[in-house]
């Protein structure tokens, strides 16, 4: 009964996909090089004229700009049947000139467009600078369920590479893999994922053939309008073209249907498992930043940033969005500037402190550069001052003065709490990352510098006095405005690495709005932006 139900469901899926197919054409089994990358138009790519020597053709990738935040690649995609379950070595000769960033061979093994089974692009052993012809090699294992192998040569940023004699060959399975993603580590793909991928492939085949037929019919109609052919010839050509593409759909879809039927049979025979939560036992609880690569089934609970990442691909995608969010915490020393000086302050240097807690948003300003970001958000700032010499604040009309307290104080603390909106222009010097032919722009992973300020309102002012009265410990808390400024605004800057920064902020508004002597809060400490 289970087998009948599964076969029926898959047959309906295949039929529906063929009738309602829409998708994107994939380049398969081509003998030609394709020009791809994140910035293919910024490179000159192709064969070198009259370069054939000993039946060996040379090709080049050459940057056309002084700076390129991206890469160009020449690539091929092939059907993997002869390599399934085997270890494959890709080799080739490369010569390079003035490579600013890096270049390398690359190879990727895919299961349709839903999973990368194995991948290497020489990122951990890059080609740099200027070098004469040198042979390079990378090795990957091709899992049995692979559907395509793509390979080529890439150049990141600027420079020039020449390459020749690119070849794939089967090697002994004891040969170590060089990949960032190793094929031998590949785990079985769940039944539901495979079925959906095959359905999508059927859609893609049908859509691409329909689009190709549409273009050919448009050309026939154009020839008819220009009286190059007669109406009878046009109708005959349309029928022939339609028959060719219908035959293509039948032949290509039948291959996918065969895979679908085999998948259903494997499911019935217990060879394919349902999707499971295989992350159990693979959970990581992190406070701060984690530079380790997550496995595909690992989950990271980041307490500091209040985020959960399901695998490295999920983490890469979310951390490289145009706008990301961070939890902000800052703490350090707080004091006041009086007549342009902090020396001989009326407040303890080590006892006076500040805290800031908030949420920030970081938006990349340029499409293809990670340098400039707008950083903005909402924060609560706590500024604490501890007067020296047994003093506390007293309000006298519109003046707020420090006076000596008649009782010996154990502690005297003056606190302002503000709700502010910080805004900074942030310079982030993290270079873009390339993974699986995709460029990621990540923030908070390198040196960062922020320049800006903040503005908001003072929401609470409180004075706390602690003392002993007849051997009884007493705490006196007084709330009020104490003539403090209602509006808070100032300048701030930070410089740091990854999540941690040295943080400086200065209130442009005076602490007390009408005091004869103007005093402004100044704070220096550490800031943490947990991404």
Protein backbone atom coordinates (compact mmCIF):
# COMPACT_ATOMS: atom_id res chain seq x y z
CA UNK A 1 0.00 0.00 0.00
CA UNK A 2 2.83 2.40 0.90
CA UNK A 3 4.51 1.75 -2.43
CA UNK A 4 1.31 2.44 -4.38
CA UNK A 5 0.73 5.73 -2.55
CA UNK A 6 4.30 6.94 -3.10
CA UNK A 7 4.31 6.05 -6.79
CA UNK A 8 0.98 7.81 -7.28
CA UNK A 9 2.19 10.98 -5.52
CA UNK A 10 5.40 11.11 -7.53
CA UNK A 11 3.60 10.45 -10.82
CA UNK A 12 1.19 13.32 -10.12
CA UNK A 13 4.13 15.57 -9.24
CA UNK A 14 5.92 14.71 -12.49
CA UNK A 15 2.78 15.23 -14.58
CA UNK A 16 2.00 18.55 -12.90
CA UNK A 17 5.58 19.71 -13.38
CA UNK A 18 5.50 18.91 -17.08
CA UNK A 19 2.23 20.73 -17.67
CA UNK A 20 2.90 23.82 -15.52
CA UNK A 21 6.65 24.04 -15.76
CA UNK A 22 8.46 27.32 -15.22
CA UNK A 23 12.15 27.58 -14.40
CA UNK A 24 15.63 28.64 -15.37
CA UNK A 25 17.72 26.96 -18.02
CA UNK A 26 20.90 25.32 -16.74
CA UNK A 27 24.08 24.94 -18.76
CA UNK A 28 24.74 21.22 -18.95
CA UNK A 29 27.25 19.10 -20.82
CA UNK A 30 28.74 22.00 -22.74
CA UNK A 31 32.12 21.72 -24.39
CA UNK A 32 32.49 25.50 -24.39
CA UNK A 33 33.75 27.76 -21.65
CA UNK A 34 31.15 30.00 -20.03
CA UNK A 35 32.01 33.43 -18.64
CA UNK A 36 30.58 33.84 -15.16
CA UNK A 37 31.35 35.32 -11.72
CA UNK A 38 30.06 38.13 -9.55
CA UNK A 39 31.54 40.78 -11.92
CA UNK A 40 32.06 39.09 -15.31
CA UNK A 41 31.80 42.41 -17.23
CA UNK A 42 34.82 43.75 -15.35
CA UNK A 43 37.09 41.15 -16.96
CA UNK A 44 38.31 40.27 -20.43
CA UNK A 45 37.88 36.52 -20.74
CA UNK A 46 38.40 34.03 -23.56
CA UNK A 47 40.91 32.18 -25.75
CA UNK A 48 44.15 33.78 -26.82
CA UNK A 49 44.41 34.08 -30.60
CA UNK A 50 47.07 31.90 -32.26
CA UNK A 51 48.00 30.35 -28.92
CA UNK A 52 47.76 26.69 -29.96
CA UNK A 53 51.07 24.93 -29.48
CA UNK A 54 51.26 21.14 -29.42
CA UNK A 55 47.45 21.05 -29.62
CA UNK A 56 47.18 23.07 -26.40
CA UNK A 57 44.97 26.19 -26.37
CA UNK A 58 45.58 29.00 -23.94
CA UNK A 59 42.90 31.12 -22.28
CA UNK A 60 43.04 34.27 -20.20
CA UNK A 61 41.12 36.23 -17.56
CA UNK A 62 42.23 39.86 -17.33
CA UNK A 63 40.84 42.61 -15.11
CA UNK A 64 39.67 45.79 -16.85
CA UNK A 65 39.50 48.06 -13.80
CA UNK A 66 41.94 49.18 -11.12
CA UNK A 67 39.73 47.85 -8.31
CA UNK A 68 37.08 45.13 -8.50
CA UNK A 69 35.09 43.98 -5.50
CA UNK A 70 34.25 40.63 -7.03
CA UNK A 71 35.58 37.92 -9.33
CA UNK A 72 35.41 36.55 -12.84
CA UNK A 73 35.59 32.92 -13.90
CA UNK A 74 35.64 30.74 -17.00
CA UNK A 75 33.78 27.51 -16.32
CA UNK A 76 32.20 24.35 -17.68
CA UNK A 77 29.42 22.13 -16.35
CA UNK A 78 29.30 18.42 -17.21
CA UNK A 79 27.12 15.40 -16.55
CA UNK A 80 28.86 13.30 -13.84
CA UNK A 81 27.86 9.70 -14.65
CA UNK A 82 31.38 8.44 -15.41
CA UNK A 83 32.70 9.92 -12.14
CA UNK A 84 29.98 8.85 -9.67
CA UNK A 85 31.38 7.30 -6.50
CA UNK A 86 34.94 8.03 -7.61
CA UNK A 87 37.71 10.46 -6.68
CA UNK A 88 38.49 13.06 -9.33
CA UNK A 89 41.59 15.18 -9.78
CA UNK A 90 41.37 18.46 -11.67
CA UNK A 91 44.69 19.73 -13.00
CA UNK A 92 45.90 22.54 -15.20
CA UNK A 93 48.71 24.97 -15.90
CA UNK A 94 48.35 28.59 -14.77
CA UNK A 95 50.52 31.65 -15.33
CA UNK A 96 49.69 34.89 -13.56
CA UNK A 97 50.71 38.52 -13.50
CA UNK A 98 50.24 41.01 -10.65
CA UNK A 99 47.43 39.15 -8.87
CA UNK A 100 46.31 41.58 -6.16
CA UNK A 101 43.98 39.22 -4.30
CA UNK A 102 44.02 35.59 -5.46
CA UNK A 103 43.29 33.14 -8.26
CA UNK A 104 42.86 29.40 -8.53
CA UNK A 105 41.35 26.31 -10.03
CA UNK A 106 37.88 25.45 -8.74
CA UNK A 107 35.56 22.48 -8.92
CA UNK A 108 32.09 21.94 -7.46
CA UNK A 109 29.91 18.83 -7.28
CA UNK A 110 26.16 19.53 -7.02
CA UNK A 111 22.91 17.74 -6.43
CA UNK A 112 20.75 19.84 -8.74
CA UNK A 113 20.57 23.32 -7.19
CA UNK A 114 19.70 22.23 -3.65
CA UNK A 115 23.01 20.94 -2.27
CA UNK A 116 26.75 21.37 -2.83
CA UNK A 117 28.23 17.91 -2.25
CA UNK A 118 31.90 18.81 -2.69
CA UNK A 119 33.79 22.04 -3.40
CA UNK A 120 37.28 23.48 -3.65
CA UNK A 121 38.50 26.79 -5.12
CA UNK A 122 42.08 26.86 -3.77
CA UNK A 123 41.06 29.61 -1.33
CA UNK A 124 43.19 28.00 1.37
CA UNK A 125 46.14 27.67 -1.03
CA UNK A 126 45.68 30.66 -3.36
CA UNK A 127 47.73 31.77 -6.35
CA UNK A 128 49.03 35.31 -5.83
CA UNK A 129 51.44 37.82 -7.32
CA UNK A 130 53.34 37.03 -10.52
CA UNK A 131 54.29 33.45 -11.45
CA UNK A 132 55.36 31.57 -14.57
CA UNK A 133 53.57 28.48 -15.85
CA UNK A 134 52.96 26.12 -12.95
CA UNK A 135 50.84 23.00 -12.69
CA UNK A 136 48.14 23.03 -10.02
CA UNK A 137 45.82 20.29 -8.81
CA UNK A 138 42.71 19.91 -6.67
CA UNK A 139 41.00 16.66 -5.66
CA UNK A 140 37.36 15.93 -4.81
CA UNK A 141 35.32 12.79 -4.22
CA UNK A 142 32.11 12.67 -6.29
CA UNK A 143 29.23 11.21 -4.25
CA UNK A 144 26.97 8.69 -5.98
CA UNK A 145 23.95 11.02 -5.97
CA UNK A 146 25.69 13.93 -7.74
CA UNK A 147 23.86 15.42 -10.74
CA UNK A 148 26.51 17.78 -12.15
CA UNK A 149 30.16 18.78 -11.91
CA UNK A 150 31.20 22.36 -12.58
CA UNK A 151 34.82 23.46 -12.83
CA UNK A 152 36.98 26.29 -14.06
CA UNK A 153 39.52 29.00 -13.26
CA UNK A 154 38.74 32.17 -11.31
CA UNK A 155 40.40 35.52 -10.68
CA UNK A 156 39.39 37.61 -7.70
CA UNK A 157 39.90 41.39 -7.83
CA UNK A 158 42.63 42.53 -10.25
CA UNK A 159 45.47 41.03 -12.27
CA UNK A 160 45.74 38.60 -15.15
CA UNK A 161 45.83 34.81 -15.42
CA UNK A 162 46.52 32.53 -18.35
CA UNK A 163 45.60 28.84 -18.23
CA UNK A 164 45.80 25.72 -20.38
CA UNK A 165 45.50 21.93 -20.31
CA UNK A 166 42.61 21.82 -17.84
CA UNK A 167 41.76 18.16 -17.32
CA UNK A 168 39.72 15.86 -15.08
CA UNK A 169 40.94 12.36 -14.28
CA UNK A 170 39.90 9.57 -11.93
CA UNK A 171 42.46 8.81 -9.22
CA UNK A 172 42.76 6.25 -6.46
CA UNK A 173 40.21 6.64 -3.65
CA UNK A 174 43.06 6.84 -1.13
CA UNK A 175 44.06 10.22 -2.60
CA UNK A 176 43.30 12.92 0.01
CA UNK A 177 40.65 15.49 -0.87
CA UNK A 178 41.68 19.14 -0.96
CA UNK A 179 38.17 20.56 -0.76
CA UNK A 180 36.68 23.11 1.59
CA UNK A 181 33.62 20.84 1.35
CA UNK A 182 34.68 17.22 1.06
CA UNK A 183 32.63 14.74 -0.90
CA UNK A 184 33.48 11.89 1.47
CA UNK A 185 31.82 13.86 4.29
CA UNK A 186 28.59 14.11 2.32
CA UNK A 187 25.52 12.77 4.12
CA UNK A 188 22.46 11.29 2.45
CA UNK A 189 19.97 13.84 1.09
CA UNK A 190 16.43 13.34 2.49
CA UNK A 191 13.71 11.87 0.27
CA UNK A 192 11.58 15.02 0.28
CA UNK A 193 14.52 17.21 -0.80
CA UNK A 194 15.39 14.87 -3.67
CA UNK A 195 11.82 14.62 -4.89
CA UNK A 196 11.43 18.40 -4.89
CA UNK A 197 14.75 18.86 -6.72
CA UNK A 198 13.74 16.42 -9.47
CA UNK A 199 10.38 18.17 -9.81
CA UNK A 200 12.14 21.53 -10.15
CA UNK A 201 14.47 20.07 -12.78
CA UNK A 202 11.48 18.89 -14.82
CA UNK A 203 10.05 22.40 -14.59
CA UNK A 204 13.36 23.87 -15.71
CA UNK A 205 13.62 21.55 -18.72
CA UNK A 206 10.07 22.27 -19.87
CA UNK A 207 10.42 26.02 -19.39
CA UNK A 208 13.75 26.27 -21.23
CA UNK A 209 12.45 24.30 -24.20
CA UNK A 210 9.31 26.44 -24.35
CA UNK A 211 11.38 29.62 -24.22
CA UNK A 212 13.66 28.33 -26.98
CA UNK A 213 10.62 27.45 -29.14
CA UNK A 214 9.14 30.91 -28.48
CA UNK A 215 12.31 32.62 -29.73
CA UNK A 216 12.42 30.48 -32.87
CA UNK A 217 8.76 31.19 -33.63
CA UNK A 218 9.40 34.92 -33.16
CA UNK A 219 12.24 34.67 -35.70
CA UNK A 220 9.97 32.81 -38.13
CA UNK A 221 7.28 35.48 -37.73
CA UNK A 222 9.87 38.17 -38.36
CA UNK A 223 11.00 36.43 -41.55
CA UNK A 224 7.35 36.16 -42.57
CA UNK A 225 6.77 39.88 -41.97
CA UNK A 226 9.87 40.67 -44.05
CA UNK A 227 8.57 38.33 -46.79
CA UNK A 228 11.66 36.15 -46.55
CA UNK A 229 9.35 33.10 -46.40
CA UNK A 230 5.72 32.44 -47.30
CA UNK A 231 2.92 31.76 -44.80
CA UNK A 232 2.86 28.08 -45.79
CA UNK A 233 6.61 27.80 -45.18
CA UNK A 234 6.23 29.60 -41.84
CA UNK A 235 3.48 27.25 -40.67
CA UNK A 236 5.51 24.24 -41.73
CA UNK A 237 8.63 25.51 -39.92
CA UNK A 238 6.64 26.18 -36.75
CA UNK A 239 5.28 22.63 -36.73
CA UNK A 240 8.75 21.19 -37.25
CA UNK A 241 10.28 23.35 -34.50
CA UNK A 242 7.44 22.45 -32.11
CA UNK A 243 8.01 18.76 -32.83
CA UNK A 244 11.75 19.08 -32.15
CA UNK A 245 11.25 20.79 -28.80
CA UNK A 246 8.45 18.41 -27.80
CA UNK A 247 10.83 15.53 -28.50
CA UNK A 248 13.51 17.26 -26.43
CA UNK A 249 11.10 17.63 -23.53
CA UNK A 250 10.05 13.99 -23.76
CA UNK A 251 13.61 12.68 -23.87
CA UNK A 252 14.99 14.91 -21.14
CA UNK A 253 11.99 14.60 -18.83
CA UNK A 254 11.99 10.83 -19.23
CA UNK A 255 15.48 10.77 -17.71
CA UNK A 256 14.23 12.70 -14.70
CA UNK A 257 11.14 10.50 -14.42
CA UNK A 258 13.42 7.48 -14.37
CA UNK A 259 15.30 9.06 -11.47
CA UNK A 260 12.00 9.82 -9.74
CA UNK A 261 10.78 6.24 -10.12
CA UNK A 262 14.08 4.92 -8.79
CA UNK A 263 13.89 7.34 -5.86
CA UNK A 264 10.40 6.07 -4.98
CA UNK A 265 11.58 2.47 -5.23
CA UNK A 266 14.58 3.23 -2.99
CA UNK A 267 12.22 4.86 -0.53
CA UNK A 268 9.99 1.80 -0.45
CA UNK A 269 13.04 -0.44 -0.03
CA UNK A 270 14.24 1.67 2.88
CA UNK A 271 17.35 2.95 1.11
CA UNK A 272 16.33 6.62 1.44
CA UNK A 273 15.43 8.22 4.76
CA UNK A 274 12.85 10.87 5.53
CA UNK A 275 14.04 14.29 6.59
CA UNK A 276 15.02 14.25 10.23
CA UNK A 277 16.24 16.77 12.72
CA UNK A 278 19.81 15.49 12.58
CA UNK A 279 20.99 18.51 14.52
CA UNK A 280 20.45 16.76 17.85
CA UNK A 281 23.81 16.56 19.52
CA UNK A 282 25.15 19.20 17.12
CA UNK A 283 24.06 22.29 19.01
CA UNK A 284 26.57 24.96 19.99
CA UNK A 285 25.88 27.57 22.65
CA UNK A 286 28.08 30.64 22.02
CA UNK A 287 28.62 33.88 23.87
CA UNK A 288 30.49 36.41 21.76
CA UNK A 289 31.76 35.51 18.29
CA UNK A 290 32.38 32.10 16.78
CA UNK A 291 34.92 31.84 13.94
CA UNK A 292 34.56 28.07 13.53
CA UNK A 293 32.78 26.76 10.43
CA UNK A 294 29.42 25.20 11.23
CA UNK A 295 28.54 21.83 9.78
CA UNK A 296 25.39 21.52 7.61
CA UNK A 297 23.49 19.96 10.52
CA UNK A 298 24.88 22.07 13.35
CA UNK A 299 22.88 24.74 15.12
CA UNK A 300 24.52 27.72 16.82
CA UNK A 301 22.69 29.46 19.65
CA UNK A 302 24.43 32.80 20.06
CA UNK A 303 23.37 34.18 23.42
CA UNK A 304 25.13 37.53 23.00
CA UNK A 305 23.49 38.38 19.65
CA UNK A 306 20.21 36.62 20.49
CA UNK A 307 20.33 34.67 17.21
CA UNK A 308 20.08 31.05 16.12
CA UNK A 309 21.90 29.81 12.99
CA UNK A 310 21.01 26.49 11.34
CA UNK A 311 24.22 25.50 9.58
CA UNK A 312 26.98 27.58 8.01
CA UNK A 313 25.03 28.42 4.87
CA UNK A 314 22.23 29.95 6.95
CA UNK A 315 24.80 31.89 8.98
CA UNK A 316 26.60 33.16 5.86
CA UNK A 317 23.38 34.29 4.21
CA UNK A 318 22.04 36.14 7.24
CA UNK A 319 25.34 37.76 8.24
CA UNK A 320 25.93 39.06 4.70
CA UNK A 321 22.54 40.68 4.19
CA UNK A 322 22.53 44.34 3.13
CA UNK A 323 21.21 45.22 6.61
CA UNK A 324 22.06 43.19 9.72
CA UNK A 325 21.19 43.69 13.38
CA UNK A 326 23.37 43.66 16.48
CA UNK A 327 22.89 43.62 20.22
CA UNK A 328 25.01 46.43 21.72
CA UNK A 329 26.52 46.56 25.18
CA UNK A 330 29.06 49.14 26.34
CA UNK A 331 30.61 49.94 29.72
CA UNK A 332 33.45 52.02 31.09
CA UNK A 333 34.48 55.15 32.95
CA UNK A 334 32.34 58.28 33.09
CA UNK A 335 33.17 61.80 34.25
CA UNK A 336 32.61 65.44 33.30
CA UNK A 337 34.56 68.03 31.37
CA UNK A 338 34.66 71.32 33.27
CA UNK A 339 36.05 74.36 31.45
CA UNK A 340 37.58 71.99 28.87
CA UNK A 341 39.36 69.79 31.45
CA UNK A 342 38.79 66.50 33.21
CA UNK A 343 41.65 67.03 35.68
CA UNK A 344 40.87 67.78 39.34
CA UNK A 345 37.36 66.51 38.83
CA UNK A 346 34.70 66.71 41.52
CA UNK A 347 33.93 63.05 40.79
CA UNK A 348 35.81 59.82 41.37
CA UNK A 349 37.61 58.60 38.25
CA UNK A 350 37.28 54.86 38.92
CA UNK A 351 34.00 55.00 40.82
CA UNK A 352 32.09 56.90 38.14
CA UNK A 353 30.99 54.74 35.24
CA UNK A 354 28.56 54.36 32.34
CA UNK A 355 26.56 51.57 30.70
CA UNK A 356 24.84 51.38 27.35
CA UNK A 357 22.43 48.69 26.19
CA UNK A 358 20.72 48.74 22.83
CA UNK A 359 20.01 47.35 19.39
CA UNK A 360 21.71 48.59 16.24
CA UNK A 361 21.20 48.07 12.53
CA UNK A 362 24.11 48.02 10.12
CA UNK A 363 23.36 48.83 6.46
CA UNK A 364 25.95 48.45 3.70
CA UNK A 365 25.88 51.64 1.62
CA UNK A 366 27.55 50.40 -1.58
CA UNK A 367 26.39 47.49 -3.70
CA UNK A 368 29.78 45.93 -4.28
CA UNK A 369 31.96 47.25 -1.48
CA UNK A 370 32.06 46.40 2.19
CA UNK A 371 33.82 49.59 3.28
CA UNK A 372 30.98 52.00 4.13
CA UNK A 373 28.07 51.24 6.44
CA UNK A 374 25.38 53.29 8.14
CA UNK A 375 25.00 52.15 11.75
CA UNK A 376 21.89 53.28 13.60
CA UNK A 377 19.57 52.08 16.32
CA UNK A 378 18.15 52.67 19.78
CA UNK A 379 20.07 52.62 23.08
CA UNK A 380 19.54 53.23 26.77
CA UNK A 381 22.51 55.06 28.37
CA UNK A 382 23.26 55.07 32.09
CA UNK A 383 25.71 57.78 33.21
CA UNK A 384 26.80 57.54 36.85
CA UNK A 385 28.85 60.11 38.79
CA UNK A 386 30.26 59.60 42.31
CA UNK A 387 31.17 62.90 43.97
CA UNK A 388 34.33 63.18 46.09
CA UNK A 389 34.81 64.59 49.62
CA UNK A 390 31.51 63.37 51.14
CA UNK A 391 29.43 65.58 48.85
CA UNK A 392 26.03 65.27 47.18
CA UNK A 393 23.85 67.41 44.95
CA UNK A 394 21.38 69.99 46.24
CA UNK A 395 18.92 71.98 44.14
CA UNK A 396 18.87 75.72 44.82
CA UNK A 397 16.41 77.34 42.43
CA UNK A 398 17.72 76.87 38.93
CA UNK A 399 21.18 75.94 40.23
CA UNK A 400 22.29 72.42 41.21
CA UNK A 401 25.31 72.50 43.48
CA UNK A 402 27.61 70.00 45.15
CA UNK A 403 27.52 70.46 48.93
CA UNK A 404 29.20 68.71 51.80
CA UNK A 405 26.79 66.32 53.47
CA UNK A 406 26.49 66.64 57.29
CA UNK A 407 26.31 62.84 57.59
CA UNK A 408 29.26 60.60 56.78
CA UNK A 409 28.31 58.97 53.48
CA UNK A 410 29.23 55.43 52.55
CA UNK A 411 28.29 56.12 48.94
CA UNK A 412 27.05 59.08 46.93
CA UNK A 413 25.92 58.42 43.38
CA UNK A 414 24.20 60.58 40.78
CA UNK A 415 22.61 58.77 37.82
CA UNK A 416 21.15 59.98 34.51
CA UNK A 417 19.26 57.56 32.26
CA UNK A 418 18.74 58.59 28.64
CA UNK A 419 16.98 57.08 25.63
CA UNK A 420 19.00 57.95 22.54
CA UNK A 421 19.21 57.26 18.82
CA UNK A 422 22.86 56.71 17.81
CA UNK A 423 23.98 57.21 14.19
CA UNK A 424 27.47 56.39 12.90
CA UNK A 425 29.24 56.14 9.57
CA UNK A 426 31.16 52.90 9.95
CA UNK A 427 34.25 51.92 7.97
CA UNK A 428 34.54 48.13 7.86
CA UNK A 429 37.79 46.75 6.42
CA UNK A 430 36.60 43.16 6.03
CA UNK A 431 37.16 42.00 2.44
CA UNK A 432 34.35 40.16 0.65
CA UNK A 433 34.37 36.36 0.88
CA UNK A 434 33.76 34.04 -2.06
CA UNK A 435 32.11 30.70 -1.33
CA UNK A 436 30.64 28.38 -3.92
CA UNK A 437 30.94 31.11 -6.58
CA UNK A 438 28.96 33.55 -4.43
CA UNK A 439 30.30 36.75 -2.88
CA UNK A 440 29.46 37.47 0.76
CA UNK A 441 29.84 40.90 2.35
CA UNK A 442 30.13 40.33 6.09
CA UNK A 443 30.52 42.93 8.81
CA UNK A 444 31.95 42.83 12.35
CA UNK A 445 34.69 40.38 11.36
CA UNK A 446 37.66 42.70 10.93
CA UNK A 447 38.89 46.18 11.83
CA UNK A 448 36.05 48.71 12.17
CA UNK A 449 35.97 52.48 12.74
CA UNK A 450 32.82 54.45 13.52
CA UNK A 451 32.27 58.23 13.49
CA UNK A 452 29.00 59.86 14.48
CA UNK A 453 26.85 60.87 17.38
CA UNK A 454 23.55 60.44 19.19
CA UNK A 455 20.47 62.38 20.22
CA UNK A 456 17.61 61.65 22.57
CA UNK A 457 15.87 62.51 25.80
CA UNK A 458 16.70 62.25 29.47
CA UNK A 459 14.12 59.85 30.95
CA UNK A 460 15.21 59.63 34.59
CA UNK A 461 17.54 61.32 37.08
CA UNK A 462 18.21 59.86 40.50
CA UNK A 463 20.54 60.49 43.44
CA UNK A 464 21.42 57.60 45.74
CA UNK A 465 22.96 58.22 49.18
CA UNK A 466 24.04 55.44 51.52
CA UNK A 467 25.01 56.04 55.15
CA UNK A 468 24.74 54.61 58.66
CA UNK A 469 22.33 56.09 61.19
CA UNK A 470 22.56 54.78 64.76
CA UNK A 471 24.22 51.59 63.51
CA UNK A 472 21.41 51.17 60.98
CA UNK A 473 22.33 51.09 57.31
CA UNK A 474 20.18 53.48 55.29
CA UNK A 475 19.75 54.13 51.58
CA UNK A 476 18.15 57.36 50.44
CA UNK A 477 16.92 57.60 46.85
CA UNK A 478 15.78 60.92 45.44
CA UNK A 479 14.15 61.18 42.00
CA UNK A 480 13.64 64.43 40.11
CA UNK A 481 15.01 66.45 37.26
CA UNK A 482 17.73 68.18 39.33
CA UNK A 483 17.75 70.87 36.61
CA UNK A 484 19.37 68.38 34.20
CA UNK A 485 19.07 68.91 30.44
CA UNK A 486 15.89 67.45 28.98
CA UNK A 487 17.49 66.72 25.63
CA UNK A 488 20.70 64.72 25.25
CA UNK A 489 22.96 64.92 22.22
CA UNK A 490 26.62 64.40 21.57
CA UNK A 491 29.48 62.98 19.53
CA UNK A 492 30.81 59.44 19.66
CA UNK A 493 33.43 57.31 17.96
CA UNK A 494 34.80 53.81 18.22
CA UNK A 495 37.62 51.75 16.76
CA UNK A 496 37.93 48.03 17.18
CA UNK A 497 38.24 44.53 15.82
CA UNK A 498 35.34 42.17 15.22
CA UNK A 499 32.77 42.63 18.02
CA UNK A 500 34.99 44.60 20.45
CA UNK A 501 35.76 48.32 20.19
CA UNK A 502 37.30 51.13 22.20
CA UNK A 503 34.41 53.58 22.63
CA UNK A 504 34.46 57.33 23.33
CA UNK A 505 31.40 59.57 23.68
CA UNK A 506 30.94 63.20 24.69
CA UNK A 507 27.70 65.03 25.56
CA UNK A 508 27.44 68.36 23.76
CA UNK A 509 24.58 69.32 26.06
CA UNK A 510 25.58 70.46 29.59
CA UNK A 511 24.78 68.16 32.49
CA UNK A 512 22.79 70.95 34.22
CA UNK A 513 21.09 73.31 31.82
CA UNK A 514 21.25 76.53 33.88
CA UNK A 515 24.33 76.10 36.08
CA UNK A 516 26.83 78.94 36.01
CA UNK A 517 29.66 76.46 35.35
CA UNK A 518 28.97 74.22 32.37
CA UNK A 519 29.87 70.55 32.75
CA UNK A 520 29.56 67.92 30.04
CA UNK A 521 29.57 64.15 30.44
CA UNK A 522 32.46 62.29 28.80
CA UNK A 523 32.76 58.48 28.70
CA UNK A 524 35.50 56.05 27.70
CA UNK A 525 35.12 52.30 27.69
CA UNK A 526 34.60 49.10 25.73
CA UNK A 527 31.78 48.52 23.31
CA UNK A 528 30.53 45.13 22.10
CA UNK A 529 28.45 44.76 18.92
CA UNK A 530 27.28 41.15 18.86
CA UNK A 531 26.29 40.40 15.27
